[in-house]
Structures are given as structure tokens and as C-alpha cells.
Protein backbone atom coordinates (compact mmCIF):
# COMPACT_ATOMS: atom_id res chain seq x y z
CA MET A 1 5.85 -0.52 22.85
CA TYR A 2 3.57 2.00 24.55
CA PRO A 3 2.36 0.65 27.94
CA GLY A 4 -0.83 -1.38 27.72
CA ILE A 5 -0.91 -1.94 23.95
CA GLU A 6 1.29 -5.04 24.12
CA ASN A 7 -1.02 -6.54 26.76
CA VAL A 8 -4.05 -5.99 24.51
CA LEU A 9 -2.29 -7.60 21.55
CA ASN A 10 -1.19 -10.57 23.66
CA GLU A 11 -4.74 -11.03 24.95
CA TYR A 12 -6.03 -11.34 21.39
CA GLY A 13 -3.40 -13.80 20.24
CA TYR A 14 -0.80 -11.51 18.64
CA ARG A 15 2.79 -12.63 19.10
CA LYS A 16 5.48 -9.98 19.30
CA ILE A 17 8.35 -10.28 16.82
CA GLN A 18 11.63 -9.08 18.24
CA LEU A 19 13.02 -6.06 16.36
CA ASN A 20 16.14 -3.98 16.83
CA VAL A 21 14.59 -0.67 15.77
CA SER A 22 13.78 1.90 18.44
CA GLY A 23 10.16 3.03 18.52
CA LEU A 24 8.98 0.28 16.18
CA SER A 25 7.28 -3.01 17.01
CA LEU A 26 5.66 -5.82 15.05
CA SER A 27 3.07 -8.28 16.36
CA LEU A 28 1.73 -11.16 14.31
CA LYS A 29 -1.35 -13.38 14.40
CA GLN A 30 -2.33 -16.18 12.04
CA GLN A 31 -5.99 -16.28 10.97
CA GLY A 32 -6.61 -19.13 8.57
CA GLU A 33 -4.41 -18.51 5.55
CA LYS A 34 -3.98 -14.85 6.43
CA GLY A 35 -1.35 -13.16 8.53
CA LEU A 36 -2.61 -10.22 10.58
CA ALA A 37 0.25 -7.87 11.43
CA VAL A 38 0.10 -4.89 13.80
CA VAL A 39 2.95 -2.40 13.41
CA THR A 40 3.29 0.18 16.19
CA ILE A 41 5.26 3.38 15.57
CA ASP A 42 5.90 5.20 18.85
CA GLU A 43 7.20 8.72 18.24
CA THR A 44 7.15 9.48 21.97
CA THR A 45 10.44 7.54 22.15
CA GLY A 46 12.04 10.05 19.80
CA ALA A 47 11.76 7.80 16.77
CA PHE A 48 11.33 9.60 13.45
CA PHE A 49 10.94 8.03 10.02
CA SER A 50 10.79 9.73 6.65
CA ARG A 51 8.23 8.55 4.12
CA GLU A 52 10.95 6.72 2.20
CA GLN A 53 12.30 5.03 5.32
CA PHE A 54 8.83 3.97 6.38
CA GLY A 55 8.05 2.58 2.93
CA HIS A 56 11.26 0.55 3.00
CA ILE A 57 10.48 -0.76 6.50
CA SER A 58 6.96 -1.75 5.44
CA GLU A 59 8.25 -3.67 2.44
CA SER A 60 10.82 -5.39 4.68
CA PHE A 61 8.04 -6.52 7.01
CA ARG A 62 6.03 -7.92 4.12
CA GLU A 63 9.06 -9.77 2.78
CA PHE A 64 9.69 -11.14 6.26
CA LEU A 65 6.14 -12.48 6.43
CA ARG A 66 6.30 -13.97 2.94
CA LYS A 67 9.40 -15.93 3.98
CA ARG A 68 7.35 -17.26 6.89
CA GLU A 69 4.72 -18.36 4.31
CA PHE A 70 2.20 -15.65 5.19
CA TYR A 71 1.39 -14.83 1.57
CA TYR A 72 -1.85 -12.96 2.36
CA SER A 73 -0.90 -10.50 5.06
CA ILE A 74 -3.00 -7.56 6.20
CA PHE A 75 -1.37 -4.75 8.12
CA LEU A 76 -2.66 -2.36 10.75
CA TYR A 77 -0.37 0.56 11.58
CA ILE A 78 -0.79 2.22 14.99
CA LEU A 79 0.91 5.60 15.21
CA ILE A 80 1.55 7.04 18.68
CA SER A 81 2.25 10.71 18.14
CA GLU A 82 1.25 14.23 19.11
CA ASP A 83 2.17 15.56 15.67
CA ASP A 84 -0.69 15.77 13.13
CA ASP A 85 1.85 15.98 10.29
CA SER A 86 3.25 12.55 11.14
CA ALA A 87 0.14 10.76 9.91
CA ARG A 88 0.18 12.66 6.63
CA ARG A 89 3.90 12.08 6.19
CA LEU A 90 3.83 8.35 6.86
CA PHE A 91 0.41 7.21 5.68
CA GLU A 92 -0.41 9.23 2.59
CA ASP A 93 -0.58 6.02 0.51
CA TYR A 94 -2.06 3.85 3.26
CA GLU A 95 -5.60 3.37 4.49
CA ASN A 96 -5.40 0.94 7.36
CA TYR A 97 -3.94 2.94 10.22
CA TRP A 98 -5.03 4.18 13.64
CA ARG A 99 -3.53 6.96 15.70
CA ILE A 100 -3.08 7.41 19.44
CA ILE A 101 -2.65 10.91 20.90
CA PRO A 102 -1.00 10.33 24.30
CA SER A 103 -1.70 13.77 25.82
CA GLY A 104 -5.43 13.44 25.23
CA ARG A 105 -5.47 9.65 25.73
CA ARG A 106 -7.40 9.41 22.47
CA LEU A 107 -7.59 6.65 19.91
CA MET A 108 -8.42 7.78 16.40
CA VAL A 109 -9.83 5.00 14.22
CA TYR A 110 -10.15 5.86 10.55
CA GLU A 111 -13.15 4.13 8.99
CA SER A 112 -11.32 3.60 5.69
CA GLY A 113 -9.56 0.53 7.07
CA THR A 114 -10.37 -3.17 6.85
CA ARG A 115 -12.52 -4.97 9.43
CA GLU A 116 -10.04 -7.68 10.43
CA PHE A 117 -8.78 -5.67 13.42
CA ASP A 118 -12.14 -4.64 14.87
CA GLU A 119 -11.64 -6.89 17.90
CA LEU A 120 -8.78 -4.62 19.04
CA ARG A 121 -10.85 -1.48 18.81
CA ARG A 122 -12.88 -1.62 22.03
CA PRO A 123 -10.03 -2.67 24.38
CA LEU A 124 -7.81 0.06 22.94
CA GLU A 125 -10.61 2.61 23.30
CA GLN A 126 -10.88 1.60 26.95
CA LEU A 127 -7.14 2.07 27.27
CA PHE A 128 -7.36 5.49 25.57
CA PRO A 129 -10.90 6.74 26.34
CA GLY A 130 -10.36 10.38 25.29
CA GLU A 131 -13.55 12.24 24.39
CA GLY A 132 -14.82 10.02 21.59
CA PHE A 133 -18.35 8.90 20.94
CA TYR A 134 -20.17 7.21 18.10
CA GLY A 135 -22.61 8.77 15.74
CA GLY A 136 -24.36 6.88 12.95
CA GLN A 137 -26.51 8.18 10.11
CA GLN A 138 -27.74 7.20 6.66
CA GLY A 139 -26.48 3.62 6.94
CA TYR A 140 -22.85 4.37 7.71
CA GLU A 141 -20.92 5.08 10.86
CA GLN A 142 -19.16 8.34 11.55
CA ARG A 143 -16.42 8.54 14.13
CA ILE A 144 -16.32 11.81 16.12
CA TYR A 145 -13.83 13.11 18.67
CA GLY A 146 -14.97 15.97 20.85
CA ASN A 147 -16.97 18.10 18.43
CA ARG A 148 -14.82 17.34 15.39
CA PRO A 149 -15.42 14.44 12.96
CA VAL A 150 -12.44 12.46 11.78
CA ASP A 151 -11.22 13.55 8.36
CA ASP A 152 -12.36 10.50 6.38
CA ARG A 153 -12.96 12.46 3.14
CA ARG A 154 -14.91 9.66 1.50
CA VAL A 155 -18.43 8.35 1.92
CA ARG A 156 -18.44 4.95 3.64
CA TRP A 157 -20.90 2.10 3.74
CA ASN A 158 -20.56 -0.40 6.60
CA GLY A 159 -17.04 0.92 7.18
CA THR A 160 -15.82 0.35 3.63
CA ARG A 161 -15.67 2.47 0.54
CA ILE A 162 -18.89 2.31 -1.47
CA PRO A 163 -18.19 0.46 -4.76
CA LEU A 164 -19.95 3.21 -6.68
CA VAL A 165 -18.75 2.29 -10.18
CA ASN A 166 -19.69 -1.35 -9.76
CA MET A 167 -23.13 -0.39 -8.44
CA CYS A 168 -23.61 1.88 -11.47
CA MET A 169 -22.62 -0.94 -13.84
CA ILE A 170 -25.09 -3.29 -12.20
CA ALA A 171 -27.86 -0.67 -12.25
CA LEU A 172 -27.18 0.10 -15.91
CA ASN A 173 -27.33 -3.59 -16.85
CA VAL A 174 -30.60 -4.07 -14.98
CA LEU A 175 -32.23 -0.92 -16.36
CA ILE A 176 -31.26 -1.80 -19.93
CA PHE A 177 -32.55 -5.34 -19.44
CA PHE A 178 -35.97 -4.13 -18.34
CA ALA A 179 -36.03 -1.56 -21.11
CA GLU A 180 -35.22 -4.15 -23.76
CA ASP A 181 -37.69 -6.60 -22.24
CA ILE A 182 -40.53 -4.06 -22.28
CA PHE A 183 -39.84 -2.18 -25.50
CA LEU A 184 -37.57 -4.22 -27.74
CA PHE A 185 -37.22 -7.84 -26.83
CA GLN A 186 -40.68 -8.83 -27.99
CA ASP A 187 -39.56 -8.70 -31.61
CA GLU A 188 -35.87 -9.44 -30.85
CA ARG A 189 -34.72 -6.14 -32.30
CA VAL A 190 -32.25 -5.82 -29.40
CA VAL A 191 -30.04 -8.53 -30.93
CA GLU A 192 -30.11 -6.88 -34.32
CA LEU A 193 -29.41 -3.43 -32.86
CA GLY A 194 -26.73 -4.04 -30.26
CA ALA A 195 -25.38 -7.60 -29.99
CA LEU A 196 -21.84 -8.35 -31.11
CA ASN A 197 -21.35 -9.78 -34.59
CA TRP A 198 -17.98 -9.69 -36.31
CA TYR A 199 -19.43 -9.30 -39.79
CA ARG A 200 -21.53 -6.25 -38.88
CA VAL A 201 -18.63 -4.68 -37.03
CA LEU A 202 -16.12 -5.10 -39.85
CA GLU A 203 -18.40 -4.77 -42.86
CA TYR A 204 -20.59 -1.91 -41.61
CA GLY A 205 -18.23 -0.30 -39.10
CA GLU A 206 -20.60 -0.82 -36.16
CA TRP A 207 -17.87 -0.72 -33.52
CA TYR A 208 -20.31 0.48 -30.90
CA ARG A 209 -21.43 -3.17 -30.60
CA LEU A 210 -18.26 -3.90 -28.59
CA PHE A 211 -19.77 -1.69 -25.85
CA SER A 212 -23.50 -2.20 -26.32
CA SER A 213 -23.26 -5.99 -26.25
CA MET A 214 -21.80 -5.82 -22.71
CA PHE A 215 -25.07 -4.43 -21.36
CA LEU A 216 -27.54 -6.72 -23.14
CA HIS A 217 -28.92 -10.02 -21.84
CA ASP A 218 -31.29 -12.55 -23.35
CA GLY A 219 -33.29 -13.58 -20.29
CA ILE A 220 -33.84 -13.17 -16.58
CA GLN A 221 -31.61 -16.11 -15.67
CA HIS A 222 -28.79 -14.76 -17.84
CA ILE A 223 -28.72 -11.33 -16.19
CA PHE A 224 -29.38 -12.73 -12.69
CA ASN A 225 -26.38 -15.07 -12.84
CA ASN A 226 -24.10 -12.36 -14.21
CA MET A 227 -25.15 -9.68 -11.72
CA LEU A 228 -24.96 -12.10 -8.78
CA VAL A 229 -21.27 -12.65 -9.51
CA LEU A 230 -20.59 -9.00 -10.29
CA VAL A 231 -22.24 -7.61 -7.15
CA TYR A 232 -19.65 -9.36 -4.97
CA ILE A 233 -16.53 -9.90 -7.07
CA GLY A 234 -16.74 -6.45 -8.65
CA SER A 235 -17.21 -4.74 -5.29
CA CYS A 236 -14.13 -6.52 -3.88
CA VAL A 237 -11.94 -5.46 -6.79
CA GLU A 238 -13.17 -1.86 -6.87
CA GLN A 239 -12.52 -1.45 -3.15
CA GLN A 240 -8.99 -2.71 -3.70
CA ILE A 241 -7.97 -0.65 -6.75
CA GLY A 242 -10.27 2.39 -6.66
CA ARG A 243 -13.12 3.66 -8.80
CA LEU A 244 -11.24 5.04 -11.81
CA ARG A 245 -9.05 1.97 -12.23
CA TYR A 246 -12.05 -0.29 -11.82
CA GLY A 247 -14.11 1.57 -14.42
CA ILE A 248 -11.27 1.37 -16.95
CA LEU A 249 -10.69 -2.29 -16.08
CA TYR A 250 -14.33 -3.32 -16.46
CA LEU A 251 -14.94 -1.58 -19.78
CA GLY A 252 -11.50 -2.42 -21.16
CA ALA A 253 -11.81 -6.12 -20.32
CA GLY A 254 -15.31 -6.18 -21.83
CA VAL A 255 -14.12 -4.66 -25.10
CA LEU A 256 -11.08 -6.96 -25.33
CA ALA A 257 -13.31 -9.95 -24.57
CA GLY A 258 -15.51 -8.87 -27.47
CA LEU A 259 -12.53 -8.55 -29.80
CA THR A 260 -11.38 -12.05 -28.82
CA SER A 261 -14.85 -13.38 -29.61
CA MET A 262 -14.83 -11.61 -32.98
CA VAL A 263 -11.46 -13.04 -34.01
CA TYR A 264 -12.43 -16.55 -32.91
CA ASN A 265 -15.77 -16.59 -34.72
CA MET A 266 -14.37 -14.88 -37.81
CA ASN A 267 -11.68 -17.56 -38.18
CA LEU A 268 -14.33 -20.27 -37.93
CA ASN A 269 -16.69 -18.29 -40.17
CA ASN A 270 -19.38 -18.44 -37.47
CA ASN A 271 -21.97 -15.78 -38.18
CA VAL A 272 -23.24 -15.61 -34.59
CA TYR A 273 -24.44 -12.83 -32.29
CA SER A 274 -23.19 -12.64 -28.71
CA LEU A 275 -24.30 -10.50 -25.78
CA GLY A 276 -23.88 -10.32 -22.03
CA ALA A 277 -21.60 -8.95 -19.32
CA SER A 278 -19.72 -12.20 -18.71
CA GLY A 279 -16.66 -11.18 -20.74
CA ALA A 280 -16.19 -8.10 -18.54
CA ILE A 281 -16.95 -10.15 -15.41
CA PHE A 282 -14.26 -12.68 -16.33
CA GLY A 283 -11.97 -9.67 -16.67
CA VAL A 284 -12.79 -8.65 -13.09
CA ILE A 285 -12.00 -12.21 -11.92
CA GLY A 286 -8.69 -12.07 -13.79
CA ALA A 287 -7.88 -8.79 -12.03
CA LEU A 288 -8.74 -10.38 -8.69
CA LEU A 289 -6.27 -13.17 -9.38
CA PHE A 290 -3.56 -10.61 -10.22
CA LEU A 291 -4.19 -8.72 -6.96
CA VAL A 292 -3.92 -11.86 -4.87
CA LEU A 293 -0.85 -13.16 -6.70
CA PHE A 294 1.22 -10.01 -7.13
CA LYS A 295 -0.18 -7.34 -4.81
CA ASN A 296 -0.51 -9.60 -1.79
CA ARG A 297 -4.15 -8.61 -1.28
CA TYR A 298 -6.66 -10.85 0.41
CA ALA A 299 -9.60 -9.30 -1.43
CA GLY A 300 -12.94 -10.55 -0.19
CA GLY A 301 -11.21 -13.48 1.55
CA TYR A 302 -10.29 -15.17 -1.75
CA ASN A 303 -7.04 -17.02 -2.27
CA VAL A 304 -5.44 -18.28 -5.49
CA ARG A 305 -6.89 -21.77 -5.24
CA GLN A 306 -10.43 -20.48 -4.78
CA ILE A 307 -10.15 -18.13 -7.76
CA VAL A 308 -8.74 -20.85 -10.01
CA ILE A 309 -11.57 -23.22 -8.99
CA MET A 310 -14.10 -20.46 -9.65
CA VAL A 311 -12.71 -19.89 -13.15
CA MET A 312 -12.52 -23.61 -13.94
CA PHE A 313 -16.12 -24.23 -12.93
CA SER A 314 -17.30 -21.17 -14.87
CA LEU A 315 -15.48 -22.26 -18.02
CA TYR A 316 -16.69 -25.82 -17.61
CA GLY A 317 -20.25 -24.56 -17.40
CA GLY A 318 -19.69 -22.75 -20.67
CA PHE A 319 -18.35 -25.83 -22.43
CA VAL A 320 -21.19 -28.13 -21.39
CA ASN A 321 -23.91 -25.65 -22.28
CA GLN A 322 -24.69 -24.57 -25.80
CA GLY A 323 -24.79 -20.94 -26.86
CA VAL A 324 -22.02 -19.76 -24.51
CA ASP A 325 -19.27 -17.50 -25.85
CA ASN A 326 -16.25 -19.23 -24.31
CA ALA A 327 -13.84 -17.20 -26.43
CA ALA A 328 -15.11 -14.02 -24.77
CA HIS A 329 -14.68 -15.64 -21.35
CA PHE A 330 -11.07 -16.59 -22.06
CA GLY A 331 -10.32 -13.22 -23.63
CA GLY A 332 -11.93 -11.30 -20.78
CA PHE A 333 -10.03 -13.23 -18.12
CA ILE A 334 -6.63 -12.73 -19.75
CA ALA A 335 -7.46 -9.08 -20.52
CA GLY A 336 -8.49 -8.41 -16.92
CA PHE A 337 -5.30 -9.95 -15.58
CA LEU A 338 -3.09 -7.91 -17.94
CA LEU A 339 -5.06 -4.68 -17.47
CA ALA A 340 -4.72 -5.05 -13.70
CA ALA A 341 -0.96 -5.44 -14.14
CA VAL A 342 -0.86 -2.16 -16.08
CA LEU A 343 -3.37 -0.17 -14.01
CA CYS A 344 -2.00 -1.27 -10.63
CA THR A 345 1.67 -0.61 -11.36
CA GLY A 346 1.82 2.16 -8.76
CA LEU A 347 -0.45 0.40 -6.27
CA ARG A 348 1.30 -0.66 -3.10
CA ASN A 349 1.40 -4.30 -2.11
CA ALA A 350 -0.81 -5.49 0.75
CA ARG A 351 -3.70 -3.15 1.45
CA SER A 352 -2.58 -1.09 4.41
């Protein structure tokens, strides 16, 4: 390992795992139920890895940690190299990596990464002072070296990707709620116009209700509870899978939740109207469970047990309260889980 880095890792509780690969090192630290792994690739030793070789090595490390019962591992890759092309070659599909340029004694920290390794940042910057300085503006931090900003390519907020789609969904729900409250809700026309009802969908072909019902709420407590969950859970999932996938997931789970509700109420001949974002939100929770189970992602600090407890309490609340569309909740959860499996097929395990 490059001189000095191992000392920093040891100081912060990382234990070196002995490897037999030149130019490659792995250090591990346990933090609660998470495993924090720092992989150092030192090209100054002459080591060179193709993208395929590096991908295979990364998967081998993750499998190694899973065997040691670190099921929620987060990786930081530190590349020591003078070659700008090395970062593009190795980390095209990764976000959580830093780079050290030995000749300039510079540490390049890309703001797209997770925050779990922030404690290493200052001691490594002291080890590699370079010409860097901080500049902050408009609520997010920009990292600059010399007179050139790091190529981050995406707007950041507190060091993480802004969950733009989720924020838009929340804003749309809130705006529609106030619009319906001011203009429509006084005579309850909102239910007649946009809530989900299987008879009106099938008899009159009003399929738009599968979408419109997702953005309608029947009171301030209803929308507050839904948006409170969505603002955090939705942001976690969008930051893990990206904006396009999240948008498809949210709307798709909401529609499938509505279809489940229609089938359930049609079989019971219940001529009821349902509305609210909870079917889509249960879909987001189902996607979160998939990410933790099968993509080895510690999104928002949640583990499997916490997600299962969250779902159980939410469903229990639906059963003990009248007027709750539990069929939509079940349908949304299953739909979100399955949609995540389809949408995240090409998504790498363990956010890196």
C-alpha cells in the first residue's frame, strides 16, 4: 500500500486483509451491521487491471465479505495513479471512489460518493495536500483543485444526488391537494372526478383514474402521513437506483396497486372509491427491500428486519382502521419489489 495510507486506515480502525495481488489492498472496518471496505489500487507498482478484471475482483471482495457475514458492505475505492484514463476505465459504473495523484500529492474526492468514509478525508488531505481548496455555493459543496473543478457532472445537495423525481412527486401531490381543497373538495367533486372505482373504470373506460387517484388525498392528515414517509424512503431509493428507474418504479407500482384494489373490490362487489399515494409508497418500500436483499445496498441505513417491521406496522394500521385500501398496499408492495427486480437487473451490487 502507498506509504502513509495504511497508517491512516489503522488509526481509524480499519484492519488490513492479507491479499496476494500486487498493487491491490483491502482494509475492513465493522460499523454496526455494516462492513466498510477500503480497496486501494496502486498503479505506481506497475499493477494494471482491465475493466473486466476489476469487476471480477470487486465481486470477489463482496463475496468474501458476505461469507464473513458482512451482508451490508459499502466500498470506497482509492486509485493511486497518474493516468486520467485509469479512473474512467475502472470506475465507469462506480460512484464511490477517490483518486490520488502522486506527482502532485493531490487527493481528488468526488462528491458523488457516500458519507460513511468522510472521517478519512481530512487525514488523507493532510497526507496529500496538493493545491485543493473548498468552495461552497447554493447549498452544495464544490471541490476544486487548482483552478479546475472536479468533473462531478451532476448537481449535488449535501454531497448526495438530489432526489429530483421524488421531490417533484411530493410537490405535485401537495399542489393537487391544495387545489382540490380550495376549488373542488368543498362539494366532494374530486372523488367523483378522479378517485379509483372499478365500476367506472371498466364500465365507462375511465382508465385515467389509475393515475389520478395516486395524487388525491382526502384530508391534511392523509397527505401529511403519506408525504412524510415518501420524503425519506423515496429519496433513499431514488439515490440508489437513479431518477428514470425511480420514476418508472413509482408510477408503475401505483398503477399496479390500483389494479390490485380494483380486482379485490370487484370480486367482493364493493362499490367503493379509493385515493391516495400509499399504494405507490408501498411500492417504494418493496423496492427498498429488494435493494437490501439482493443488491447488497444499505440504503438510508435500513436493514431487512427494519423494513419488514415497517411494513408490518403499516399494514396493521390499515387493518385496525376503517376506510383503508389494504389491497392496494399489498399490491403496491409486491409490485415495487418485482419492478425493482426488473429495473435493477443491470445495477451493480453494493453501491460503490
